[in-house]
C-alpha atoms as a PDB file:
ATOM      1  CA  MET A   1      84.939 142.743  42.770  1.00  0.00           C
ATOM      2  CA  GLY A   2      83.144 140.063  44.737  1.00  0.00           C
ATOM      3  CA  GLU A   3      86.456 138.744  46.116  1.00  0.00           C
ATOM      4  CA  ILE A   4      87.453 142.239  47.308  1.00  0.00           C
ATOM      5  CA  ALA A   5      84.105 142.690  49.023  1.00  0.00           C
ATOM      6  CA  PHE A   6      84.479 139.312  50.737  1.00  0.00           C
ATOM      7  CA  ARG A   7      87.955 140.223  52.035  1.00  0.00           C
ATOM      8  CA  CYS A   8      86.662 143.541  53.339  1.00  0.00           C
ATOM      9  CA  LEU A   9      83.840 141.753  55.145  1.00  0.00           C
ATOM     10  CA  VAL A  10      86.282 139.273  56.757  1.00  0.00           C
ATOM     11  CA  GLU A  11      88.553 142.118  57.894  1.00  0.00           C
ATOM     12  CA  MET A  12      85.620 144.029  59.385  1.00  0.00           C
ATOM     13  CA  LEU A  13      84.452 140.964  61.269  1.00  0.00           C
ATOM     14  CA  TRP A  14      87.969 140.158  62.489  1.00  0.00           C
ATOM     15  CA  HIS A  15      88.607 143.698  63.751  1.00  0.00           C
ATOM     16  CA  GLY A  16      85.219 143.659  65.430  1.00  0.00           C
ATOM     17  CA  ILE A  17      86.124 140.632  67.555  1.00  0.00           C
ATOM     18  CA  SER A  18      87.762 141.201  70.929  1.00  0.00           C
ATOM     19  CA  MET A  19      91.329 140.007  71.558  1.00  0.00           C
ATOM     20  CA  LYS A  20      90.109 137.264  73.913  1.00  0.00           C
ATOM     21  CA  ARG A  21      87.754 135.899  71.288  1.00  0.00           C
ATOM     22  CA  LYS A  22      90.476 136.124  68.626  1.00  0.00           C
ATOM     23  CA  LEU A  23      92.737 133.933  70.755  1.00  0.00           C
ATOM     24  CA  SER A  24      89.912 131.465  71.395  1.00  0.00           C
ATOM     25  CA  LEU A  25      89.051 131.292  67.690  1.00  0.00           C
ATOM     26  CA  SER A  26      92.706 130.860  66.694  1.00  0.00           C
ATOM     27  CA  LEU A  27      93.135 128.084  69.269  1.00  0.00           C
ATOM     28  CA  PHE A  28      89.982 126.348  68.043  1.00  0.00           C
ATOM     29  CA  ILE A  29      91.199 126.438  64.427  1.00  0.00           C
ATOM     30  CA  LEU A  30      94.652 125.150  65.440  1.00  0.00           C
ATOM     31  CA  LEU A  31      93.209 122.274  67.469  1.00  0.00           C
ATOM     32  CA  SER A  32      90.852 121.392  64.614  1.00  0.00           C
ATOM     33  CA  VAL A  33      93.758 121.183  62.169  1.00  0.00           C
ATOM     34  CA  LEU A  34      95.828 119.106  64.605  1.00  0.00           C
ATOM     35  CA  SER A  35      92.878 116.826  65.272  1.00  0.00           C
ATOM     36  CA  CYS A  36      92.452 116.125  61.565  1.00  0.00           C
ATOM     37  CA  LYS A  37      96.188 115.505  61.191  1.00  0.00           C
ATOM     38  CA  VAL A  38      96.283 113.141  64.176  1.00  0.00           C
ATOM     39  CA  ARG A  39      93.303 111.127  62.927  1.00  0.00           C
ATOM     40  CA  ALA A  40      94.864 110.895  59.481  1.00  0.00           C
ATOM     41  CA  GLN A  41      97.966 109.336  61.069  1.00  0.00           C
ATOM     42  CA  TYR A  42      95.819 106.934  63.143  1.00  0.00           C
ATOM     43  CA  LEU A  43      97.148 108.286  66.420  1.00  0.00           C
ATOM     44  CA  ASP A  44      93.571 108.615  67.585  1.00  0.00           C
ATOM     45  CA  PRO A  45      92.215 106.864  69.609  1.00  0.00           C
ATOM     46  CA  ARG A  46      94.970 107.142  72.196  1.00  0.00           C
ATOM     47  CA  PHE A  47      93.208 105.504  75.152  1.00  0.00           C
ATOM     48  CA  GLY A  48      91.326 102.244  75.572  1.00  0.00           C
ATOM     49  CA  ILE A  49      89.340 100.565  78.340  1.00  0.00           C
ATOM     50  CA  TYR A  50      89.277  96.766  78.227  1.00  0.00           C
ATOM     51  CA  PHE A  51      86.940  94.317  79.931  1.00  0.00           C
ATOM     52  CA  THR A  52      88.595  90.936  80.449  1.00  0.00           C
ATOM     53  CA  SER A  53      87.289  87.492  79.573  1.00  0.00           C
ATOM     54  CA  PRO A  54      83.514  87.864  79.698  1.00  0.00           C
ATOM     55  CA  ILE A  55      83.250  84.173  78.741  1.00  0.00           C
ATOM     56  CA  GLY A  56      85.206  83.283  81.873  1.00  0.00           C
ATOM     57  CA  ILE A  57      83.152  85.425  84.247  1.00  0.00           C
ATOM     58  CA  LEU A  58      82.610  82.492  86.639  1.00  0.00           C
ATOM     59  CA  SER A  59      86.341  82.181  87.286  1.00  0.00           C
ATOM     60  CA  LYS A  60      87.775  85.644  86.642  1.00  0.00           C
ATOM     61  CA  ALA A  61      87.013  89.158  85.422  1.00  0.00           C
ATOM     62  CA  GLY A  62      89.090  92.261  85.046  1.00  0.00           C
ATOM     63  CA  ILE A  63      89.642  95.711  83.635  1.00  0.00           C
ATOM     64  CA  GLN A  64      92.567  97.073  81.657  1.00  0.00           C
ATOM     65  CA  GLY A  65      93.635 100.530  80.553  1.00  0.00           C
ATOM     66  CA  GLU A  66      95.718 101.253  77.451  1.00  0.00           C
ATOM     67  CA  TYR A  67      97.730 104.281  76.399  1.00  0.00           C
ATOM     68  CA  ARG A  68      98.900 104.349  72.796  1.00  0.00           C
ATOM     69  CA  VAL A  69     102.263 106.084  72.664  1.00  0.00           C
ATOM     70  CA  ASN A  70     102.035 106.104  68.864  1.00  0.00           C
ATOM     71  CA  LEU A  71     100.718 103.982  66.002  1.00  0.00           C
ATOM     72  CA  GLN A  72     102.776 100.904  66.874  1.00  0.00           C
ATOM     73  CA  ASN A  73     103.533 101.063  70.598  1.00  0.00           C
ATOM     74  CA  ALA A  74     101.230 100.907  73.619  1.00  0.00           C
ATOM     75  CA  LEU A  75     101.432 100.562  77.406  1.00  0.00           C
ATOM     76  CA  LEU A  76      98.749  98.796  79.442  1.00  0.00           C
ATOM     77  CA  LEU A  77      97.881  98.352  83.119  1.00  0.00           C
ATOM     78  CA  SER A  78      95.464  95.635  84.203  1.00  0.00           C
ATOM     79  CA  TYR A  79      93.665  94.357  87.290  1.00  0.00           C
ATOM     80  CA  THR A  80      92.031  90.910  87.422  1.00  0.00           C
ATOM     81  CA  GLN A  81      89.878  89.402  90.162  1.00  0.00           C
ATOM     82  CA  TYR A  82      89.796  85.596  90.524  1.00  0.00           C
ATOM     83  CA  TRP A  83      87.141  83.384  92.095  1.00  0.00           C
ATOM     84  CA  GLY A  84      86.736  79.612  92.248  1.00  0.00           C
ATOM     85  CA  PHE A  85      89.526  77.467  93.646  1.00  0.00           C
ATOM     86  CA  PHE A  86      92.090  80.299  93.858  1.00  0.00           C
ATOM     87  CA  PRO A  87      90.268  83.483  94.916  1.00  0.00           C
ATOM     88  CA  GLY A  88      92.491  86.526  94.817  1.00  0.00           C
ATOM     89  CA  SER A  89      93.695  89.372  92.621  1.00  0.00           C
ATOM     90  CA  GLN A  90      96.361  90.045  90.036  1.00  0.00           C
ATOM     91  CA  GLY A  91      97.930  93.208  88.614  1.00  0.00           C
ATOM     92  CA  ALA A  92     100.087  93.462  85.494  1.00  0.00           C
ATOM     93  CA  PHE A  93     102.025  95.888  83.310  1.00  0.00           C
ATOM     94  CA  GLN A  94     102.129  95.148  79.580  1.00  0.00           C
ATOM     95  CA  TYR A  95     104.059  96.488  76.607  1.00  0.00           C
ATOM     96  CA  ARG A  96     102.462  95.937  73.214  1.00  0.00           C
ATOM     97  CA  MET A  97     103.614  96.421  69.615  1.00  0.00           C
ATOM     98  CA  TYR A  98     100.939  96.658  66.904  1.00  0.00           C
ATOM     99  CA  PHE A  99     101.186  95.665  63.249  1.00  0.00           C
ATOM    100  CA  THR A 100      98.455  97.080  60.997  1.00  0.00           C
ATOM    101  CA  ASP A 101      96.890  94.579  58.622  1.00  0.00           C
ATOM    102  CA  ARG A 102      98.305  95.131  55.127  1.00  0.00           C
ATOM    103  CA  ARG A 103      94.879  94.745  53.513  1.00  0.00           C
ATOM    104  CA  LYS A 104      93.484  98.267  53.164  1.00  0.00           C
ATOM    105  CA  GLU A 105      89.906  97.162  53.717  1.00  0.00           C
ATOM    106  CA  SER A 106      90.752  95.467  57.021  1.00  0.00           C
ATOM    107  CA  ASN A 107      89.925  97.092  60.355  1.00  0.00           C
ATOM    108  CA  SER A 108      92.136  94.687  62.314  1.00  0.00           C
ATOM    109  CA  GLU A 109      95.564  94.936  63.893  1.00  0.00           C
ATOM    110  CA  ASN A 110      97.897  92.139  64.941  1.00  0.00           C
ATOM    111  CA  PHE A 111     100.159  92.605  67.945  1.00  0.00           C
ATOM    112  CA  ILE A 112     102.843  91.014  70.091  1.00  0.00           C
ATOM    113  CA  TYR A 113     103.064  91.653  73.817  1.00  0.00           C
ATOM    114  CA  ALA A 114     105.196  91.124  76.903  1.00  0.00           C
ATOM    115  CA  LYS A 115     103.976  91.519  80.473  1.00  0.00           C
ATOM    116  CA  VAL A 116     105.043  91.235  84.090  1.00  0.00           C
ATOM    117  CA  GLY A 117     102.940  91.298  87.224  1.00  0.00           C
ATOM    118  CA  VAL A 118     102.206  90.238  90.777  1.00  0.00           C
ATOM    119  CA  GLY A 119      99.239  88.523  92.372  1.00  0.00           C
ATOM    120  CA  TYR A 120      97.862  86.830  95.450  1.00  0.00           C
ATOM    121  CA  ALA A 121      96.004  83.502  95.413  1.00  0.00           C
ATOM    122  CA  GLY A 122      94.040  81.844  98.185  1.00  0.00           C
ATOM    123  CA  TYR A 123      92.675  78.321  97.894  1.00  0.00           C
ATOM    124  CA  ILE A 124      89.214  76.838  98.394  1.00  0.00           C
ATOM    125  CA  SER A 125      89.214  73.085  97.751  1.00  0.00           C
ATOM    126  CA  ARG A 126      86.454  70.742  96.665  1.00  0.00           C
ATOM    127  CA  VAL A 127      86.097  67.071  97.479  1.00  0.00           C
ATOM    128  CA  ASP A 128      85.784  65.971  93.843  1.00  0.00           C
ATOM    129  CA  TYR A 129      89.042  67.715  92.890  1.00  0.00           C
ATOM    130  CA  LYS A 130      90.869  66.253  95.880  1.00  0.00           C
ATOM    131  CA  GLN A 131      90.060  62.817  94.512  1.00  0.00           C
ATOM    132  CA  MET A 132      91.433  63.546  91.006  1.00  0.00           C
ATOM    133  CA  SER A 133      95.020  62.369  90.645  1.00  0.00           C
ATOM    134  CA  ILE A 134      95.894  64.692  87.715  1.00  0.00           C
ATOM    135  CA  PHE A 135      94.776  67.986  89.280  1.00  0.00           C
ATOM    136  CA  GLY A 136      94.544  67.394  92.998  1.00  0.00           C
ATOM    137  CA  ASP A 137      97.221  64.697  93.346  1.00  0.00           C
ATOM    138  CA  GLY A 138      95.132  63.165  96.128  1.00  0.00           C
ATOM    139  CA  ARG A 139      96.124  65.879  98.611  1.00  0.00           C
ATOM    140  CA  ASN A 140      93.673  66.974 101.275  1.00  0.00           C
ATOM    141  CA  THR A 141      95.398  70.197 102.354  1.00  0.00           C
ATOM    142  CA  ASP A 142      93.798  73.607 101.857  1.00  0.00           C
ATOM    143  CA  ALA A 143      97.049  75.601 101.883  1.00  0.00           C
ATOM    144  CA  ALA A 144      97.059  78.706  99.681  1.00  0.00           C
ATOM    145  CA  PRO A 145      99.900  79.556  97.259  1.00  0.00           C
ATOM    146  CA  GLY A 146      99.941  83.164  98.494  1.00  0.00           C
ATOM    147  CA  THR A 147     101.895  85.903  96.700  1.00  0.00           C
ATOM    148  CA  TYR A 148     103.417  85.157  93.311  1.00  0.00           C
ATOM    149  CA  LEU A 149     105.259  86.961  90.496  1.00  0.00           C
ATOM    150  CA  PHE A 150     104.833  86.243  86.805  1.00  0.00           C
ATOM    151  CA  GLY A 151     105.985  87.208  83.355  1.00  0.00           C
ATOM    152  CA  GLY A 152     105.086  86.195  79.843  1.00  0.00           C
ATOM    153  CA  GLY A 153     104.314  87.151  76.287  1.00  0.00           C
ATOM    154  CA  GLY A 154     102.457  86.184  73.156  1.00  0.00           C
ATOM    155  CA  VAL A 155     100.493  87.367  70.134  1.00  0.00           C
ATOM    156  CA  GLY A 156      96.982  88.679  69.546  1.00  0.00           C
ATOM    157  CA  ARG A 157      94.500  90.298  67.189  1.00  0.00           C
ATOM    158  CA  HIS A 158      92.680  93.586  67.820  1.00  0.00           C
ATOM    159  CA  ILE A 159      89.524  94.188  65.730  1.00  0.00           C
ATOM    160  CA  ASN A 160      88.233  97.772  65.555  1.00  0.00           C
ATOM    161  CA  PHE A 161      84.622  98.854  65.100  1.00  0.00           C
ATOM    162  CA  ASP A 162      85.170 102.614  65.359  1.00  0.00           C
ATOM    163  CA  TRP A 163      85.018 103.348  69.126  1.00  0.00           C
ATOM    164  CA  PHE A 164      84.267  99.705  70.032  1.00  0.00           C
ATOM    165  CA  PHE A 165      86.679  96.775  69.714  1.00  0.00           C
ATOM    166  CA  ILE A 166      87.133  93.101  70.480  1.00  0.00           C
ATOM    167  CA  GLU A 167      90.381  91.167  70.719  1.00  0.00           C
ATOM    168  CA  ILE A 168      91.883  87.826  71.610  1.00  0.00           C
ATOM    169  CA  ASN A 169      95.421  86.977  72.676  1.00  0.00           C
ATOM    170  CA  THR A 170      97.302  83.773  73.297  1.00  0.00           C
ATOM    171  CA  GLY A 171     100.746  83.200  74.762  1.00  0.00           C
ATOM    172  CA  LEU A 172     102.778  81.684  77.579  1.00  0.00           C
ATOM    173  CA  LYS A 173     103.052  82.831  81.180  1.00  0.00           C
ATOM    174  CA  PHE A 174     105.463  81.696  83.883  1.00  0.00           C
ATOM    175  CA  ALA A 175     104.679  82.249  87.557  1.00  0.00           C
ATOM    176  CA  GLN A 176     106.809  81.854  90.681  1.00  0.00           C
ATOM    177  CA  VAL A 177     105.240  81.587  94.139  1.00  0.00           C
ATOM    178  CA  ILE A 178     107.376  83.694  96.478  1.00  0.00           C
ATOM    179  CA  ASN A 179     106.941  81.717  99.701  1.00  0.00           C
ATOM    180  CA  PRO A 180     105.125  78.487  98.829  1.00  0.00           C
ATOM    181  CA  PRO A 181     103.651  76.286 101.554  1.00  0.00           C
ATOM    182  CA  THR A 182     105.311  72.913 102.058  1.00  0.00           C
ATOM    183  CA  VAL A 183     102.336  71.189 100.426  1.00  0.00           C
ATOM    184  CA  TYR A 184      99.727  72.901  98.261  1.00  0.00           C
ATOM    185  CA  ASN A 185      97.788  72.146  95.094  1.00  0.00           C
ATOM    186  CA  GLU A 186     100.464  73.389  92.694  1.00  0.00           C
ATOM    187  CA  HIS A 187      99.196  71.144  89.874  1.00  0.00           C
ATOM    188  CA  LEU A 188      95.860  72.942  89.707  1.00  0.00           C
ATOM    189  CA  PHE A 189      97.510  76.341  90.250  1.00  0.00           C
ATOM    190  CA  PHE A 190      99.880  75.980  87.282  1.00  0.00           C
ATOM    191  CA  LEU A 191      97.492  74.124  84.960  1.00  0.00           C
ATOM    192  CA  SER A 192      94.281  76.128  85.206  1.00  0.00           C
ATOM    193  CA  GLY A 193      94.691  78.639  88.052  1.00  0.00           C
ATOM    194  CA  PRO A 194      96.130  82.189  88.091  1.00  0.00           C
ATOM    195  CA  GLY A 195      99.606  80.748  87.507  1.00  0.00           C
ATOM    196  CA  SER A 196      98.559  78.878  84.350  1.00  0.00           C
ATOM    197  CA  TYR A 197     101.312  78.434  81.772  1.00  0.00           C
ATOM    198  CA  VAL A 198      98.843  79.062  78.940  1.00  0.00           C
ATOM    199  CA  ASP A 199      97.782  82.704  78.677  1.00  0.00           C
ATOM    200  CA  ILE A 200      94.562  83.009  76.628  1.00  0.00           C
ATOM    201  CA  ASN A 201      92.209  85.972  77.040  1.00  0.00           C
ATOM    202  CA  PHE A 202      89.264  87.502  75.249  1.00  0.00           C
ATOM    203  CA  HIS A 203      88.595  91.234  75.659  1.00  0.00           C
ATOM    204  CA  PHE A 204      86.113  93.807  74.490  1.00  0.00           C
ATOM    205  CA  GLY A 205      85.998  97.520  75.217  1.00  0.00           C
ATOM    206  CA  VAL A 206      85.894 101.125  74.085  1.00  0.00           C
ATOM    207  CA  GLN A 207      88.589 103.425  72.719  1.00  0.00           C
ATOM    208  CA  PHE A 208      88.789 107.180  72.415  1.00  0.00           C
END
């Protein structure tokens, strides 16, 4: 008897709602169900905003946006600003594949990545570096490398704290200056500058 009364009450309420509100309510219920399903499959969050290398703020800083195509695959665009000896900027496109940690209690993900990009580097020398044979090679010129292309790849670990995350990656990067000056400080550029062969970065950010 109680069940019949409840059904009658639901029908009365439903028929008393306008068509516009019925559509809105139906859409809300559908989106709620889809939202629960998506979260259960870990397709949410889909977007991330990264802040690059806060420990290297004196030499570079950047921002990066991520779009998760699905659980395992993601696309990223980044912009990095350099200061110091090679002031300039760098933009990159990255493809990333995630591997969820097999331990159920873990909130971490491992990943591999590949990236390509373009940048521009000026050059501001210092007397003490000009005198160092390893980095400066004893050269007194202030010629800038200019525009360069690069590509690389590596591995990393992404640690989730709900909407906040931190991560670190390490890999190799290979840069090619498009129109290099006859003489410039290529040793410093390829050892510790924007064209560095070693690609190590620390990020933190938010995801939603």
